[in-house]
Amino acid sequence: MICQSDERYETEVANTRVMLANQVDGILVSITRETLNYDHLKIFQRKGIPIVFFNRVCDEMGYRR
């Protein structure tokens, strides 16, 4: 499944909901420039669903560059 946010935070959140609903095994994410709240990604983390960040990394969630 491939989703595009077009650098919009709201679209990024909506895309993650679709992925959760489709029970993906993991996600590859390049967060938008607008992303300051990571609650939509923390759901994956809490459920043990692997997350791989590329291009932009979420330091708040404990991922390192």
Protein backbone atom coordinates (compact mmCIF):
# COMPACT_ATOMS: atom_id res chain seq x y z
CA MET A 1 0.00 0.00 0.00
CA ILE A 2 1.45 3.37 -0.99
CA CYS A 3 0.09 6.68 0.29
CA GLN A 4 1.08 10.26 -0.52
CA SER A 5 0.50 13.17 1.87
CA ASP A 6 1.54 16.01 -0.45
CA GLU A 7 3.27 17.55 2.59
CA ARG A 8 -0.06 17.94 4.44
CA TYR A 9 -0.27 16.85 8.06
CA GLU A 10 -4.01 16.10 7.87
CA THR A 11 -3.47 13.82 4.90
CA GLU A 12 -0.61 12.07 6.70
CA VAL A 13 -2.92 11.34 9.65
CA ALA A 14 -5.68 10.10 7.33
CA ASN A 15 -3.19 7.83 5.53
CA THR A 16 -2.09 6.25 8.80
CA ARG A 17 -5.73 5.54 9.72
CA VAL A 18 -6.18 3.73 6.41
CA MET A 19 -3.06 1.69 7.06
CA LEU A 20 -4.22 0.73 10.55
CA ALA A 21 -7.62 -0.26 9.19
CA ASN A 22 -5.90 -2.48 6.63
CA GLN A 23 -3.71 -4.10 9.30
CA VAL A 24 -0.35 -3.38 7.68
CA ASP A 25 2.69 -5.26 9.00
CA GLY A 26 4.88 -2.14 9.09
CA ILE A 27 5.23 1.34 7.63
CA LEU A 28 7.88 3.41 5.86
CA VAL A 29 7.39 7.09 6.69
CA SER A 30 8.75 10.42 5.60
CA ILE A 31 6.89 12.81 7.87
CA THR A 32 5.66 16.11 6.47
CA ARG A 33 7.28 19.44 7.22
CA GLU A 34 4.05 20.33 9.06
CA THR A 35 4.18 17.35 11.43
CA LEU A 36 4.61 18.48 15.04
CA ASN A 37 2.23 16.00 16.70
CA TYR A 38 3.14 12.32 16.40
CA ASP A 39 0.15 10.68 18.09
CA HIS A 40 -0.95 9.06 14.82
CA LEU A 41 2.44 7.33 14.55
CA LYS A 42 2.70 6.45 18.24
CA ILE A 43 -0.31 4.16 17.74
CA PHE A 44 1.85 1.95 15.50
CA GLN A 45 4.63 2.02 18.08
CA ARG A 46 2.25 0.97 20.89
CA LYS A 47 0.87 -1.88 18.77
CA GLY A 48 4.38 -3.13 18.01
CA ILE A 49 4.05 -2.36 14.30
CA PRO A 50 7.51 -1.57 12.89
CA ILE A 51 8.17 1.97 11.67
CA VAL A 52 11.05 2.97 9.43
CA PHE A 53 11.60 6.70 8.97
CA PHE A 54 13.40 8.08 5.94
CA ASN A 55 14.19 11.61 4.78
CA ARG A 56 12.83 13.13 8.03
CA VAL A 57 13.12 11.36 11.37
CA CYS A 58 10.92 11.68 14.44
CA ASP A 59 13.34 12.29 17.32
CA GLU A 60 10.43 12.60 19.77
CA MET A 61 9.56 8.91 19.35
CA GLY A 62 13.08 7.76 20.17
CA TYR A 63 14.26 7.15 16.62
CA ARG A 64 17.72 8.34 15.71
CA ARG A 65 19.22 9.53 12.47
